[in-house]
């Protein structure tokens, strides 16, 4: 186990995440400067300072009126409104009304879509469990999900919601429901052995993804990134 002074020399945990499913578990452990005993307290604090909390940023809570008006702050809208003024001045009231209607419809559609996007982001944030069981200094403990750091070893058991994207280190009869990712109604069987680098998301059996549910079995998995 390397001490916290070595962390500054460690490669950023997201650098090789796209291929972690194809690497041996021990290789991934080594790349994140951790071991099967988990991180030490000093390591955790140093990484938390470096990488920040394990949390999605919340959607900006702007007032609905402000959000709606911002859809008019666009060069094309200014051009169309200039056309409205010109059409009205030339006596083409119908053309002016049509342009105004188009501008309003565009703003309303944009406003509704933005609201749905904010709701979707907040829904994703709510899918993440508030706490996770981790192995640190060889001891099991429960910590807030926001305090998970790259290199943490997360314990997975039936009924748990996976708190982050994880590379499995050990798996015993582990089944995870991944319908939110793959659409498959049958739980996916998981194991620690690497899979092909070009494997599809649903075939990456050495990975556990944030928001999915552990249906059966147990596992020990490595957090890759915040």
Foldseek 3Di string as FASTA:
>chain_A
DDAQVCQVVQDALVPCVLQLLQDAPVVSLVSQVADPQFAAPRNLVSQCVVAPFPADDADDDDDLVVLLVVLCVDPVNVVLQVVLVVCVVVVNNVVSVVSVVVSNVSSVVVSVVVVVVNVVVVVLRVLADQWFWWRYSNDIDIDGLRSDGASIKTKDFAFDFDRAKWFFNAWDQWWKDDCVPVVDRGTDAAGRHHDDSPDDPSPSRRIDHGSIGTHHTMTITGHRHD
